Each structure stands twice: as structure tokens, then as C-alpha cells.
PDB file of N, CA and C in Angstrom:
ATOM      1  N   MET A   1     117.300   0.468 -55.539  1.00  0.00           N
ATOM      2  CA  MET A   1     118.162   0.915 -54.149  1.00  0.00           C
ATOM      3  C   MET A   1     118.004   0.016 -54.089  1.00  0.00           C
ATOM      4  N   SER A   2     119.123  -0.710 -52.883  1.00  0.00           N
ATOM      5  CA  SER A   2     119.625  -2.023 -52.307  1.00  0.00           C
ATOM      6  C   SER A   2     119.344  -1.253 -50.660  1.00  0.00           C
ATOM      7  N   LEU A   3     118.587  -2.581 -50.248  1.00  0.00           N
ATOM      8  CA  LEU A   3     118.867  -2.431 -48.204  1.00  0.00           C
ATOM      9  C   LEU A   3     119.768  -3.745 -48.455  1.00  0.00           C
ATOM     10  N   GLY A   4     120.521  -3.732 -48.539  1.00  0.00           N
ATOM     11  CA  GLY A   4     121.723  -4.346 -48.081  1.00  0.00           C
ATOM     12  C   GLY A   4     121.721  -6.361 -48.296  1.00  0.00           C
ATOM     13  N   PHE A   5     120.552  -6.767 -48.349  1.00  0.00           N
ATOM     14  CA  PHE A   5     120.303  -8.118 -48.106  1.00  0.00           C
ATOM     15  C   PHE A   5     120.634  -8.915 -49.685  1.00  0.00           C
ATOM     16  N   ASN A   6     120.760  -9.767 -49.246  1.00  0.00           N
ATOM     17  CA  ASN A   6     120.871 -10.761 -50.918  1.00  0.00           C
ATOM     18  C   ASN A   6     119.931 -11.903 -50.914  1.00  0.00           C
ATOM     19  N   LEU A   7     119.236 -12.234 -52.513  1.00  0.00           N
ATOM     20  CA  LEU A   7     117.794 -12.651 -52.327  1.00  0.00           C
ATOM     21  C   LEU A   7     119.205 -14.085 -52.672  1.00  0.00           C
ATOM     22  N   PRO A   8     118.375 -15.503 -52.525  1.00  0.00           N
ATOM     23  CA  PRO A   8     119.234 -16.972 -53.258  1.00  0.00           C
ATOM     24  C   PRO A   8     119.479 -16.787 -54.446  1.00  0.00           C
ATOM     25  N   VAL A   9     120.126 -17.604 -54.639  1.00  0.00           N
ATOM     26  CA  VAL A   9     119.986 -17.567 -55.782  1.00  0.00           C
ATOM     27  C   VAL A   9     120.807 -19.355 -57.008  1.00  0.00           C
ATOM     28  N   HIS A  10     119.821 -19.339 -57.670  1.00  0.00           N
ATOM     29  CA  HIS A  10     119.150 -20.707 -57.687  1.00  0.00           C
ATOM     30  C   HIS A  10     120.119 -21.117 -59.069  1.00  0.00           C
ATOM     31  N   LYS A  11     119.888 -22.574 -59.116  1.00  0.00           N
ATOM     32  CA  LYS A  11     121.343 -22.731 -60.530  1.00  0.00           C
ATOM     33  C   LYS A  11     120.021 -24.283 -61.333  1.00  0.00           C
ATOM     34  N   ILE A  12     120.680 -24.549 -62.538  1.00  0.00           N
ATOM     35  CA  ILE A  12     119.950 -25.380 -63.032  1.00  0.00           C
ATOM     36  C   ILE A  12     121.063 -25.549 -64.175  1.00  0.00           C
ATOM     37  N   GLU A  13     120.871 -26.981 -64.541  1.00  0.00           N
ATOM     38  CA  GLU A  13     121.639 -27.616 -65.587  1.00  0.00           C
ATOM     39  C   GLU A  13     120.866 -27.727 -66.495  1.00  0.00           C
ATOM     40  N   LEU A  14     120.874 -27.590 -67.987  1.00  0.00           N
ATOM     41  CA  LEU A  14     120.514 -27.829 -69.190  1.00  0.00           C
ATOM     42  C   LEU A  14     121.458 -28.186 -70.201  1.00  0.00           C
ATOM     43  N   GLU A  15     121.783 -29.514 -70.585  1.00  0.00           N
ATOM     44  CA  GLU A  15     122.645 -29.670 -72.063  1.00  0.00           C
ATOM     45  C   GLU A  15     124.169 -29.222 -71.384  1.00  0.00           C
ATOM     46  N   GLY A  16     123.913 -29.650 -70.103  1.00  0.00           N
ATOM     47  CA  GLY A  16     125.524 -29.752 -69.481  1.00  0.00           C
ATOM     48  C   GLY A  16     126.466 -27.789 -68.879  1.00  0.00           C
ATOM     49  N   ASN A  17     125.345 -26.903 -69.687  1.00  0.00           N
ATOM     50  CA  ASN A  17     125.629 -25.729 -68.906  1.00  0.00           C
ATOM     51  C   ASN A  17     124.978 -25.338 -67.510  1.00  0.00           C
ATOM     52  N   THR A  18     125.017 -24.371 -67.080  1.00  0.00           N
ATOM     53  CA  THR A  18     124.616 -24.492 -65.659  1.00  0.00           C
ATOM     54  C   THR A  18     124.456 -22.937 -65.598  1.00  0.00           C
ATOM     55  N   LEU A  19     123.137 -22.766 -65.365  1.00  0.00           N
ATOM     56  CA  LEU A  19     123.027 -21.687 -65.740  1.00  0.00           C
ATOM     57  C   LEU A  19     121.944 -20.774 -64.423  1.00  0.00           C
ATOM     58  N   PHE A  20     122.635 -19.824 -63.696  1.00  0.00           N
ATOM     59  CA  PHE A  20     121.975 -19.418 -62.445  1.00  0.00           C
ATOM     60  C   PHE A  20     120.720 -18.142 -62.722  1.00  0.00           C
ATOM     61  N   PHE A  21     120.082 -17.978 -61.763  1.00  0.00           N
ATOM     62  CA  PHE A  21     118.759 -17.120 -61.486  1.00  0.00           C
ATOM     63  C   PHE A  21     118.324 -16.613 -60.017  1.00  0.00           C
ATOM     64  N   LYS A  22     118.159 -15.532 -59.871  1.00  0.00           N
ATOM     65  CA  LYS A  22     118.194 -14.956 -57.952  1.00  0.00           C
ATOM     66  C   LYS A  22     116.794 -14.986 -58.433  1.00  0.00           C
ATOM     67  N   GLU A  23     116.117 -14.893 -57.306  1.00  0.00           N
ATOM     68  CA  GLU A  23     114.508 -14.371 -57.281  1.00  0.00           C
ATOM     69  C   GLU A  23     114.523 -13.175 -57.636  1.00  0.00           C
ATOM     70  N   ALA A  24     113.032 -12.901 -57.878  1.00  0.00           N
ATOM     71  CA  ALA A  24     113.190 -11.208 -58.805  1.00  0.00           C
ATOM     72  C   ALA A  24     112.812 -11.398 -56.747  1.00  0.00           C
ATOM     73  N   THR A  25     113.189  -9.807 -57.318  1.00  0.00           N
ATOM     74  CA  THR A  25     112.396  -8.694 -56.182  1.00  0.00           C
ATOM     75  C   THR A  25     111.023  -8.279 -56.133  1.00  0.00           C
ATOM     76  N   ILE A  26     110.230  -7.866 -55.333  1.00  0.00           N
ATOM     77  CA  ILE A  26     108.867  -7.197 -54.887  1.00  0.00           C
ATOM     78  C   ILE A  26     108.908  -6.310 -56.748  1.00  0.00           C
ATOM     79  N   ALA A  27     110.184  -5.448 -56.184  1.00  0.00           N
ATOM     80  CA  ALA A  27     109.951  -3.997 -57.896  1.00  0.00           C
ATOM     81  C   ALA A  27     109.871  -5.464 -59.242  1.00  0.00           C
ATOM     82  N   ASP A  28     110.886  -6.329 -58.816  1.00  0.00           N
ATOM     83  CA  ASP A  28     110.797  -6.854 -60.712  1.00  0.00           C
ATOM     84  C   ASP A  28     109.586  -7.117 -61.054  1.00  0.00           C
ATOM     85  N   MET A  29     108.258  -7.670 -60.087  1.00  0.00           N
ATOM     86  CA  MET A  29     107.196  -8.701 -60.097  1.00  0.00           C
ATOM     87  C   MET A  29     106.439  -7.438 -60.301  1.00  0.00           C
ATOM     88  N   LYS A  30     105.770  -6.107 -59.223  1.00  0.00           N
ATOM     89  CA  LYS A  30     105.206  -5.971 -59.935  1.00  0.00           C
ATOM     90  C   LYS A  30     105.042  -4.483 -61.552  1.00  0.00           C
ATOM     91  N   ALA A  31     106.941  -4.147 -61.789  1.00  0.00           N
ATOM     92  CA  ALA A  31     106.564  -4.230 -62.416  1.00  0.00           C
ATOM     93  C   ALA A  31     106.649  -5.184 -64.487  1.00  0.00           C
ATOM     94  N   ILE A  32     106.220  -6.771 -63.698  1.00  0.00           N
ATOM     95  CA  ILE A  32     106.366  -7.634 -65.399  1.00  0.00           C
ATOM     96  C   ILE A  32     104.758  -7.545 -64.913  1.00  0.00           C
ATOM     97  N   LYS A  33     104.119  -7.338 -63.486  1.00  0.00           N
ATOM     98  CA  LYS A  33     102.805  -7.990 -63.803  1.00  0.00           C
ATOM     99  C   LYS A  33     101.871  -7.279 -64.866  1.00  0.00           C
ATOM    100  N   GLU A  34     101.518  -6.550 -65.361  1.00  0.00           N
ATOM    101  CA  GLU A  34     100.730  -5.829 -66.166  1.00  0.00           C
ATOM    102  C   GLU A  34     100.816  -6.198 -67.473  1.00  0.00           C
ATOM    103  N   LEU A  35     101.890  -7.167 -68.154  1.00  0.00           N
ATOM    104  CA  LEU A  35     102.521  -7.901 -69.271  1.00  0.00           C
ATOM    105  C   LEU A  35     102.233  -8.730 -69.525  1.00  0.00           C
ATOM    106  N   ASP A  36     101.927  -8.830 -71.091  1.00  0.00           N
ATOM    107  CA  ASP A  36     101.221 -10.584 -71.411  1.00  0.00           C
ATOM    108  C   ASP A  36     102.354 -11.529 -70.949  1.00  0.00           C
ATOM    109  N   ALA A  37     101.592 -12.900 -70.791  1.00  0.00           N
ATOM    110  CA  ALA A  37     102.905 -13.864 -70.585  1.00  0.00           C
ATOM    111  C   ALA A  37     104.188 -13.543 -70.907  1.00  0.00           C
ATOM    112  N   GLU A  38     103.842 -13.295 -72.548  1.00  0.00           N
ATOM    113  CA  GLU A  38     105.753 -13.810 -73.359  1.00  0.00           C
ATOM    114  C   GLU A  38     106.644 -13.122 -72.969  1.00  0.00           C
ATOM    115  N   VAL A  39     105.435 -11.732 -72.814  1.00  0.00           N
ATOM    116  CA  VAL A  39     106.649 -10.176 -72.616  1.00  0.00           C
ATOM    117  C   VAL A  39     107.210 -10.253 -71.409  1.00  0.00           C
ATOM    118  N   GLY A  40     106.128 -10.810 -70.390  1.00  0.00           N
ATOM    119  CA  GLY A  40     106.374 -10.866 -68.967  1.00  0.00           C
ATOM    120  C   GLY A  40     107.593 -12.096 -68.549  1.00  0.00           C
ATOM    121  N   ALA A  41     107.678 -13.272 -69.122  1.00  0.00           N
ATOM    122  CA  ALA A  41     108.149 -14.263 -69.012  1.00  0.00           C
ATOM    123  C   ALA A  41     110.184 -13.722 -69.281  1.00  0.00           C
ATOM    124  N   THR A  42     110.057 -13.368 -70.707  1.00  0.00           N
ATOM    125  CA  THR A  42     111.108 -13.034 -70.999  1.00  0.00           C
ATOM    126  C   THR A  42     111.568 -11.730 -70.019  1.00  0.00           C
ATOM    127  N   GLU A  43     111.025 -10.555 -69.748  1.00  0.00           N
ATOM    128  CA  GLU A  43     111.028  -9.617 -68.948  1.00  0.00           C
ATOM    129  C   GLU A  43     111.329 -10.303 -67.109  1.00  0.00           C
ATOM    130  N   LEU A  44     111.222 -11.579 -67.008  1.00  0.00           N
ATOM    131  CA  LEU A  44     111.498 -12.058 -65.744  1.00  0.00           C
ATOM    132  C   LEU A  44     112.421 -12.763 -65.791  1.00  0.00           C
ATOM    133  N   PHE A  45     113.128 -12.832 -67.256  1.00  0.00           N
ATOM    134  CA  PHE A  45     114.371 -14.360 -67.322  1.00  0.00           C
ATOM    135  C   PHE A  45     115.423 -13.039 -67.548  1.00  0.00           C
ATOM    136  N   LYS A  46     115.558 -11.237 -68.294  1.00  0.00           N
ATOM    137  CA  LYS A  46     115.917 -10.776 -68.243  1.00  0.00           C
ATOM    138  C   LYS A  46     116.221  -9.896 -66.058  1.00  0.00           C
ATOM    139  N   ARG A  47     115.642 -10.356 -66.112  1.00  0.00           N
ATOM    140  CA  ARG A  47     115.807  -9.284 -64.038  1.00  0.00           C
ATOM    141  C   ARG A  47     116.532 -10.436 -63.774  1.00  0.00           C
ATOM    142  N   THR A  48     116.617 -11.879 -63.376  1.00  0.00           N
ATOM    143  CA  THR A  48     117.037 -12.903 -62.356  1.00  0.00           C
ATOM    144  C   THR A  48     117.625 -13.205 -63.370  1.00  0.00           C
ATOM    145  N   TYR A  49     118.938 -13.194 -64.416  1.00  0.00           N
ATOM    146  CA  TYR A  49     119.660 -14.244 -64.902  1.00  0.00           C
ATOM    147  C   TYR A  49     120.873 -13.527 -64.072  1.00  0.00           C
ATOM    148  N   CYS A  50     121.737 -14.001 -63.619  1.00  0.00           N
ATOM    149  CA  CYS A  50     122.750 -14.189 -63.208  1.00  0.00           C
ATOM    150  C   CYS A  50     124.084 -15.176 -62.518  1.00  0.00           C
ATOM    151  N   ASN A  51     125.374 -14.289 -62.577  1.00  0.00           N
ATOM    152  CA  ASN A  51     125.869 -15.292 -62.062  1.00  0.00           C
ATOM    153  C   ASN A  51     126.210 -16.577 -60.483  1.00  0.00           C
ATOM    154  N   GLU A  52     126.813 -16.823 -60.090  1.00  0.00           N
ATOM    155  CA  GLU A  52     127.021 -17.841 -59.140  1.00  0.00           C
ATOM    156  C   GLU A  52     126.769 -16.565 -57.682  1.00  0.00           C
ATOM    157  N   GLN A  53     127.852 -15.512 -58.146  1.00  0.00           N
ATOM    158  CA  GLN A  53     127.941 -14.528 -56.512  1.00  0.00           C
ATOM    159  C   GLN A  53     126.339 -13.341 -56.436  1.00  0.00           C
ATOM    160  N   GLY A  54     125.188 -13.492 -57.753  1.00  0.00           N
ATOM    161  CA  GLY A  54     124.193 -13.364 -58.114  1.00  0.00           C
ATOM    162  C   GLY A  54     124.421 -11.474 -58.199  1.00  0.00           C
ATOM    163  N   GLN A  55     125.090 -11.994 -59.281  1.00  0.00           N
ATOM    164  CA  GLN A  55     125.519 -10.650 -59.837  1.00  0.00           C
ATOM    165  C   GLN A  55     124.565 -10.653 -61.145  1.00  0.00           C
ATOM    166  N   LYS A  56     124.265  -9.541 -61.688  1.00  0.00           N
ATOM    167  CA  LYS A  56     122.991  -9.362 -62.921  1.00  0.00           C
ATOM    168  C   LYS A  56     124.066  -9.536 -63.949  1.00  0.00           C
ATOM    169  N   VAL A  57     123.542 -10.568 -65.281  1.00  0.00           N
ATOM    170  CA  VAL A  57     124.127 -10.822 -66.523  1.00  0.00           C
ATOM    171  C   VAL A  57     122.670 -10.763 -66.974  1.00  0.00           C
ATOM    172  N   GLU A  58     124.071  -9.368 -68.063  1.00  0.00           N
ATOM    173  CA  GLU A  58     122.883  -8.732 -69.032  1.00  0.00           C
ATOM    174  C   GLU A  58     122.505  -9.852 -69.865  1.00  0.00           C
ATOM    175  N   VAL A  59     121.198  -9.354 -70.454  1.00  0.00           N
ATOM    176  CA  VAL A  59     121.104 -10.829 -71.542  1.00  0.00           C
ATOM    177  C   VAL A  59     120.153  -9.866 -72.578  1.00  0.00           C
ATOM    178  N   LYS A  60     120.646 -10.510 -74.341  1.00  0.00           N
ATOM    179  CA  LYS A  60     119.507  -9.723 -74.944  1.00  0.00           C
ATOM    180  C   LYS A  60     118.411 -10.341 -75.323  1.00  0.00           C
ATOM    181  N   ASP A  61     117.303  -9.723 -75.990  1.00  0.00           N
ATOM    182  CA  ASP A  61     115.873 -10.421 -76.034  1.00  0.00           C
ATOM    183  C   ASP A  61     116.027 -11.431 -77.085  1.00  0.00           C
ATOM    184  N   GLU A  62     116.600 -11.128 -78.584  1.00  0.00           N
ATOM    185  CA  GLU A  62     117.601 -11.910 -79.167  1.00  0.00           C
ATOM    186  C   GLU A  62     117.827 -12.780 -78.746  1.00  0.00           C
ATOM    187  N   GLU A  63     118.544 -13.739 -77.959  1.00  0.00           N
ATOM    188  CA  GLU A  63     119.168 -14.710 -77.063  1.00  0.00           C
ATOM    189  C   GLU A  63     118.576 -15.355 -76.960  1.00  0.00           C
ATOM    190  N   ILE A  64     117.553 -14.572 -75.913  1.00  0.00           N
ATOM    191  CA  ILE A  64     116.132 -15.395 -75.035  1.00  0.00           C
ATOM    192  C   ILE A  64     115.057 -16.152 -75.696  1.00  0.00           C
ATOM    193  N   PHE A  65     114.944 -15.546 -77.211  1.00  0.00           N
ATOM    194  CA  PHE A  65     114.849 -15.841 -78.263  1.00  0.00           C
ATOM    195  C   PHE A  65     114.686 -17.206 -78.936  1.00  0.00           C
ATOM    196  N   ASP A  66     115.905 -16.840 -79.452  1.00  0.00           N
ATOM    197  CA  ASP A  66     116.724 -18.188 -79.916  1.00  0.00           C
ATOM    198  C   ASP A  66     117.565 -18.923 -78.940  1.00  0.00           C
ATOM    199  N   LEU A  67     116.808 -18.914 -77.543  1.00  0.00           N
ATOM    200  CA  LEU A  67     116.513 -20.465 -77.424  1.00  0.00           C
ATOM    201  C   LEU A  67     116.423 -21.267 -78.216  1.00  0.00           C
ATOM    202  N   PRO A  68     116.289 -22.820 -77.903  1.00  0.00           N
ATOM    203  CA  PRO A  68     115.509 -23.923 -78.014  1.00  0.00           C
ATOM    204  C   PRO A  68     114.543 -24.114 -77.906  1.00  0.00           C
ATOM    205  N   ALA A  69     113.230 -24.289 -78.324  1.00  0.00           N
ATOM    206  CA  ALA A  69     112.079 -24.528 -77.811  1.00  0.00           C
ATOM    207  C   ALA A  69     112.194 -25.093 -76.388  1.00  0.00           C
ATOM    208  N   GLN A  70     112.352 -26.609 -75.999  1.00  0.00           N
ATOM    209  CA  GLN A  70     112.845 -26.900 -75.098  1.00  0.00           C
ATOM    210  C   GLN A  70     112.954 -26.281 -74.163  1.00  0.00           C
ATOM    211  N   ILE A  71     113.826 -26.185 -74.365  1.00  0.00           N
ATOM    212  CA  ILE A  71     115.509 -25.106 -73.311  1.00  0.00           C
ATOM    213  C   ILE A  71     114.201 -24.008 -72.933  1.00  0.00           C
ATOM    214  N   ALA A  72     114.127 -23.458 -73.834  1.00  0.00           N
ATOM    215  CA  ALA A  72     113.364 -22.158 -73.023  1.00  0.00           C
ATOM    216  C   ALA A  72     112.010 -22.162 -72.100  1.00  0.00           C
ATOM    217  N   THR A  73     111.813 -23.538 -72.579  1.00  0.00           N
ATOM    218  CA  THR A  73     110.410 -23.690 -71.609  1.00  0.00           C
ATOM    219  C   THR A  73     110.873 -24.135 -69.944  1.00  0.00           C
ATOM    220  N   SER A  74     112.084 -25.257 -70.498  1.00  0.00           N
ATOM    221  CA  SER A  74     112.497 -25.393 -68.962  1.00  0.00           C
ATOM    222  C   SER A  74     112.939 -24.231 -68.611  1.00  0.00           C
ATOM    223  N   LEU A  75     113.580 -23.302 -68.616  1.00  0.00           N
ATOM    224  CA  LEU A  75     113.890 -21.937 -67.810  1.00  0.00           C
ATOM    225  C   LEU A  75     113.114 -21.600 -67.285  1.00  0.00           C
ATOM    226  N   PHE A  76     111.471 -21.238 -68.549  1.00  0.00           N
ATOM    227  CA  PHE A  76     110.909 -20.092 -68.145  1.00  0.00           C
ATOM    228  C   PHE A  76     109.908 -21.281 -66.839  1.00  0.00           C
ATOM    229  N   GLU A  77     109.893 -22.424 -66.545  1.00  0.00           N
ATOM    230  CA  GLU A  77     109.251 -23.479 -66.339  1.00  0.00           C
ATOM    231  C   GLU A  77     109.516 -22.933 -64.473  1.00  0.00           C
ATOM    232  N   PHE A  78     111.382 -23.412 -64.045  1.00  0.00           N
ATOM    233  CA  PHE A  78     111.806 -23.037 -63.637  1.00  0.00           C
ATOM    234  C   PHE A  78     112.370 -21.853 -62.930  1.00  0.00           C
ATOM    235  N   ILE A  79     112.162 -20.379 -63.600  1.00  0.00           N
ATOM    236  CA  ILE A  79     112.624 -18.948 -62.978  1.00  0.00           C
ATOM    237  C   ILE A  79     110.922 -18.881 -62.430  1.00  0.00           C
ATOM    238  N   ALA A  80     109.652 -19.327 -63.429  1.00  0.00           N
ATOM    239  CA  ALA A  80     108.098 -19.054 -62.667  1.00  0.00           C
ATOM    240  C   ALA A  80     108.204 -20.316 -60.690  1.00  0.00           C
ATOM    241  N   LYS A  81     108.934 -20.615 -60.988  1.00  0.00           N
ATOM    242  CA  LYS A  81     108.901 -22.407 -59.442  1.00  0.00           C
ATOM    243  C   LYS A  81     109.685 -21.133 -58.938  1.00  0.00           C
ATOM    244  N   ILE A  82     111.247 -20.707 -58.787  1.00  0.00           N
ATOM    245  CA  ILE A  82     111.220 -20.365 -58.004  1.00  0.00           C
ATOM    246  C   ILE A  82     111.038 -19.128 -57.345  1.00  0.00           C
ATOM    247  N   ASN A  83     110.122 -18.035 -58.251  1.00  0.00           N
ATOM    248  CA  ASN A  83     109.556 -16.947 -58.169  1.00  0.00           C
ATOM    249  C   ASN A  83     108.165 -17.535 -57.377  1.00  0.00           C
ATOM    250  N   SER A  84     107.602 -18.625 -57.156  1.00  0.00           N
ATOM    251  CA  SER A  84     105.759 -18.564 -56.873  1.00  0.00           C
ATOM    252  C   SER A  84     105.809 -18.372 -55.872  1.00  0.00           C
ATOM    253  N   GLY A  85     106.801 -18.320 -54.717  1.00  0.00           N
ATOM    254  CA  GLY A  85     106.520 -17.576 -53.159  1.00  0.00           C
ATOM    255  C   GLY A  85     106.201 -16.257 -53.404  1.00  0.00           C
ATOM    256  N   GLN A  86     106.377 -15.721 -54.877  1.00  0.00           N
ATOM    257  CA  GLN A  86     106.057 -13.827 -54.185  1.00  0.00           C
ATOM    258  C   GLN A  86     105.264 -13.335 -54.007  1.00  0.00           C
ATOM    259  N   LYS A  87     105.283 -12.003 -53.481  1.00  0.00           N
ATOM    260  CA  LYS A  87     103.947 -11.538 -53.692  1.00  0.00           C
ATOM    261  C   LYS A  87     103.428 -10.666 -54.759  1.00  0.00           C
ATOM    262  N   LYS A  88     102.820 -10.738 -55.710  1.00  0.00           N
ATOM    263  CA  LYS A  88     102.967 -10.012 -56.626  1.00  0.00           C
ATOM    264  C   LYS A  88     101.412  -9.253 -56.666  1.00  0.00           C
ATOM    265  N   SER A  89     101.371  -8.713 -55.269  1.00  0.00           N
ATOM    266  CA  SER A  89      99.924  -6.934 -55.069  1.00  0.00           C
ATOM    267  C   SER A  89     101.432  -6.173 -55.844  1.00  0.00           C
TER     268      SER A  89
END
């Protein structure tokens, strides 16, 4: 259900590629709250990965797992940073 407002979209540039992530909704944060850290991080990536206009871009677990470790770490840290202000109750 959408209430008609758009969440902010943030961009990160890594190795010449620009990737976009929107802030997670409260529902997203509640859904991943009970997951272990690795699964939760992957799920948050999938829920927030988007294009420049904030439209969701589908990504498979395998695509995330195939990222080089340094890039994956940078992306997960970036996603955590943009969502650190979200209430996780």
C-alpha cells in the first residue's frame, strides 16, 4: 500500500558504476528485524535497490552473493547508513 509519498533516493558510485537505493519503509525494517545479519542485509539490499527515479529494480540473491567482497561491504555499509535514522520497533 502506498500513501503517495516518495522516499528519498541515494546514490553511490563504485568502480565507475552508479547504484541507487531508496530509504527503507518502516514495513521493510519490520520485515527484516527478525532475520540474521547476513540474510537481513541481503533482504534490505533487495527491498531498497532502485533506479534513479526510485522505482524498484529486481535483483536475485545470487547476484548479490557474486559481488566482490569489497564492493558488497561498501554497499551494505552505505545501505545501513542511509537507513540508520529509521525506527526499528
